[in-house]
Amino acid sequence: EGINGHVKYSLKKATDLASEIFQLDAETGAITLLRSLDFEEGDSHELEGQAHDGGALFDPAKIV
C-alpha cells in the first residue's frame, strides 16, 4: 500500500554474456530474450535480481 506497494525490479549481477541475452522489465519483473539462446555458448545462465519497494526494503533472488 502507498509508496511501499510500488515495486521495482533490477539485475544486481549478471555475466557479460547474460546481460547481452536477457532483459529485465523494471516495472513488471518480466525477463525476456534479446536474442536466441545458443547452447554451444552455455547450457545455463545465472542472474541475480532484486525487488525494491518504494521504501528501503529489498529482496534478492537467484535466477537460473
N, C-alpha and C. Protein backbone atom coordinates (compact mmCIF):
# COMPACT_ATOMS: atom_id res chain seq x y z
N GLU A 1 0.84 -1.16 0.00
CA GLU A 1 0.00 0.00 0.00
C GLU A 1 0.90 1.24 0.00
N GLY A 2 0.47 2.27 -0.66
CA GLY A 2 1.25 3.51 -0.70
C GLY A 2 2.57 3.35 -1.40
N ILE A 3 3.58 4.06 -0.92
CA ILE A 3 4.90 4.03 -1.56
C ILE A 3 5.53 2.64 -1.47
N ASN A 4 5.22 1.90 -0.41
CA ASN A 4 5.78 0.56 -0.27
C ASN A 4 5.13 -0.46 -1.20
N GLY A 5 3.99 -0.10 -1.78
CA GLY A 5 3.31 -1.00 -2.69
C GLY A 5 3.83 -0.93 -4.11
N HIS A 6 4.71 0.02 -4.38
CA HIS A 6 5.28 0.16 -5.73
C HIS A 6 6.64 -0.52 -5.77
N VAL A 7 6.72 -1.64 -6.47
CA VAL A 7 7.93 -2.46 -6.51
C VAL A 7 8.66 -2.27 -7.84
N LYS A 8 9.98 -2.10 -7.76
CA LYS A 8 10.84 -2.01 -8.94
C LYS A 8 11.77 -3.21 -8.93
N TYR A 9 12.09 -3.71 -10.11
CA TYR A 9 12.95 -4.88 -10.25
C TYR A 9 14.23 -4.48 -10.97
N SER A 10 15.33 -5.12 -10.57
CA SER A 10 16.62 -4.83 -11.21
C SER A 10 17.50 -6.06 -11.17
N LEU A 11 18.48 -6.07 -12.06
CA LEU A 11 19.50 -7.11 -12.04
C LEU A 11 20.69 -6.57 -11.26
N LYS A 12 21.06 -7.28 -10.23
CA LYS A 12 22.17 -6.86 -9.40
C LYS A 12 23.49 -7.30 -10.00
N LYS A 13 23.52 -8.55 -10.47
CA LYS A 13 24.76 -9.08 -11.01
C LYS A 13 24.41 -10.02 -12.16
N ALA A 14 25.08 -9.84 -13.28
CA ALA A 14 24.90 -10.73 -14.43
C ALA A 14 26.23 -10.78 -15.17
N THR A 15 26.53 -11.93 -15.74
CA THR A 15 27.74 -12.03 -16.54
C THR A 15 27.56 -11.17 -17.79
N ASP A 16 28.67 -10.84 -18.44
CA ASP A 16 28.58 -10.05 -19.67
C ASP A 16 27.72 -10.74 -20.71
N LEU A 17 27.89 -12.06 -20.84
CA LEU A 17 27.10 -12.81 -21.80
C LEU A 17 25.61 -12.77 -21.45
N ALA A 18 25.29 -12.96 -20.18
CA ALA A 18 23.89 -12.95 -19.76
C ALA A 18 23.26 -11.58 -19.99
N SER A 19 24.01 -10.51 -19.77
CA SER A 19 23.44 -9.17 -19.98
C SER A 19 23.21 -8.87 -21.45
N GLU A 20 23.87 -9.61 -22.35
CA GLU A 20 23.63 -9.47 -23.79
C GLU A 20 22.43 -10.29 -24.25
N ILE A 21 22.02 -11.26 -23.43
CA ILE A 21 20.95 -12.19 -23.81
C ILE A 21 19.62 -11.84 -23.17
N PHE A 22 19.64 -11.42 -21.89
CA PHE A 22 18.41 -11.23 -21.13
C PHE A 22 18.16 -9.76 -20.81
N GLN A 23 16.89 -9.41 -20.75
CA GLN A 23 16.48 -8.05 -20.38
C GLN A 23 15.40 -8.17 -19.32
N LEU A 24 15.50 -7.34 -18.29
CA LEU A 24 14.53 -7.34 -17.20
C LEU A 24 13.71 -6.07 -17.25
N ASP A 25 12.39 -6.21 -17.23
CA ASP A 25 11.49 -5.07 -17.19
C ASP A 25 11.41 -4.59 -15.74
N ALA A 26 11.83 -3.37 -15.46
CA ALA A 26 11.89 -2.83 -14.10
C ALA A 26 10.52 -2.70 -13.46
N GLU A 27 9.47 -2.55 -14.25
CA GLU A 27 8.11 -2.37 -13.70
C GLU A 27 7.42 -3.70 -13.40
N THR A 28 7.57 -4.68 -14.29
CA THR A 28 6.84 -5.94 -14.14
C THR A 28 7.69 -7.09 -13.61
N GLY A 29 9.00 -6.99 -13.78
CA GLY A 29 9.90 -8.08 -13.38
C GLY A 29 10.01 -9.16 -14.45
N ALA A 30 9.38 -8.96 -15.60
CA ALA A 30 9.43 -9.94 -16.68
C ALA A 30 10.82 -9.97 -17.30
N ILE A 31 11.32 -11.18 -17.52
CA ILE A 31 12.61 -11.37 -18.16
C ILE A 31 12.36 -11.86 -19.58
N THR A 32 12.95 -11.17 -20.55
CA THR A 32 12.79 -11.53 -21.96
C THR A 32 14.15 -11.74 -22.60
N LEU A 33 14.14 -12.40 -23.75
CA LEU A 33 15.36 -12.64 -24.51
C LEU A 33 15.62 -11.49 -25.47
N LEU A 34 16.87 -11.05 -25.53
CA LEU A 34 17.28 -10.05 -26.51
C LEU A 34 17.71 -10.73 -27.81
N ARG A 35 18.10 -12.00 -27.71
CA ARG A 35 18.48 -12.79 -28.88
C ARG A 35 18.26 -14.25 -28.55
N SER A 36 18.38 -15.10 -29.53
CA SER A 36 18.16 -16.53 -29.33
C SER A 36 19.23 -17.13 -28.44
N LEU A 37 18.84 -18.17 -27.70
CA LEU A 37 19.81 -18.89 -26.88
C LEU A 37 20.64 -19.81 -27.75
N ASP A 38 21.92 -19.92 -27.44
CA ASP A 38 22.84 -20.79 -28.16
C ASP A 38 23.48 -21.71 -27.13
N PHE A 39 23.09 -22.99 -27.15
CA PHE A 39 23.59 -23.92 -26.15
C PHE A 39 25.06 -24.26 -26.34
N GLU A 40 25.67 -23.85 -27.44
CA GLU A 40 27.11 -24.02 -27.60
C GLU A 40 27.86 -22.98 -26.76
N GLU A 41 27.22 -21.84 -26.45
CA GLU A 41 27.82 -20.81 -25.59
C GLU A 41 27.71 -21.19 -24.11
N GLY A 42 26.71 -21.94 -23.78
CA GLY A 42 26.49 -22.36 -22.39
C GLY A 42 25.14 -23.01 -22.25
N ASP A 43 25.07 -24.00 -21.36
CA ASP A 43 23.80 -24.72 -21.21
C ASP A 43 22.95 -24.16 -20.06
N SER A 44 23.49 -23.16 -19.34
CA SER A 44 22.69 -22.50 -18.31
C SER A 44 23.23 -21.08 -18.09
N HIS A 45 22.41 -20.26 -17.47
CA HIS A 45 22.78 -18.87 -17.17
C HIS A 45 22.31 -18.55 -15.76
N GLU A 46 23.09 -17.74 -15.05
CA GLU A 46 22.70 -17.31 -13.71
C GLU A 46 22.68 -15.79 -13.65
N LEU A 47 21.60 -15.27 -13.09
CA LEU A 47 21.44 -13.83 -12.88
C LEU A 47 21.08 -13.62 -11.42
N GLU A 48 21.42 -12.48 -10.88
CA GLU A 48 20.99 -12.13 -9.53
C GLU A 48 20.12 -10.88 -9.64
N GLY A 49 18.88 -11.03 -9.26
CA GLY A 49 17.94 -9.93 -9.34
C GLY A 49 17.55 -9.43 -7.97
N GLN A 50 16.92 -8.26 -7.94
CA GLN A 50 16.41 -7.70 -6.70
C GLN A 50 15.06 -7.04 -6.95
N ALA A 51 14.20 -7.14 -5.95
CA ALA A 51 12.93 -6.41 -5.95
C ALA A 51 13.02 -5.36 -4.85
N HIS A 52 12.77 -4.09 -5.20
CA HIS A 52 12.84 -2.98 -4.25
C HIS A 52 11.46 -2.35 -4.11
N ASP A 53 11.05 -2.10 -2.87
CA ASP A 53 9.80 -1.35 -2.72
C ASP A 53 10.12 0.14 -2.65
N GLY A 54 9.12 0.96 -2.53
CA GLY A 54 9.33 2.41 -2.50
C GLY A 54 10.04 2.89 -1.26
N GLY A 55 10.10 2.04 -0.23
CA GLY A 55 10.83 2.38 0.99
C GLY A 55 12.25 1.86 0.89
N ALA A 56 12.72 1.29 1.95
CA ALA A 56 14.11 0.81 1.99
C ALA A 56 14.23 -0.70 1.91
N LEU A 57 13.14 -1.41 1.69
CA LEU A 57 13.19 -2.86 1.68
C LEU A 57 13.51 -3.40 0.29
N PHE A 58 14.29 -4.50 0.27
CA PHE A 58 14.58 -5.19 -0.98
C PHE A 58 14.75 -6.67 -0.69
N ASP A 59 14.62 -7.48 -1.72
CA ASP A 59 14.78 -8.92 -1.58
C ASP A 59 15.51 -9.44 -2.81
N PRO A 60 16.66 -10.08 -2.62
CA PRO A 60 17.40 -10.62 -3.75
C PRO A 60 16.84 -11.99 -4.17
N ALA A 61 17.12 -12.35 -5.41
CA ALA A 61 16.70 -13.66 -5.93
C ALA A 61 17.74 -14.15 -6.93
N LYS A 62 18.07 -15.42 -6.84
CA LYS A 62 18.97 -16.04 -7.82
C LYS A 62 18.09 -16.62 -8.92
N ILE A 63 18.41 -16.25 -10.15
CA ILE A 63 17.62 -16.68 -11.31
C ILE A 63 18.52 -17.58 -12.15
N VAL A 64 18.11 -18.82 -12.34
CA VAL A 64 18.91 -19.78 -13.10
C VAL A 64 18.11 -20.24 -14.30
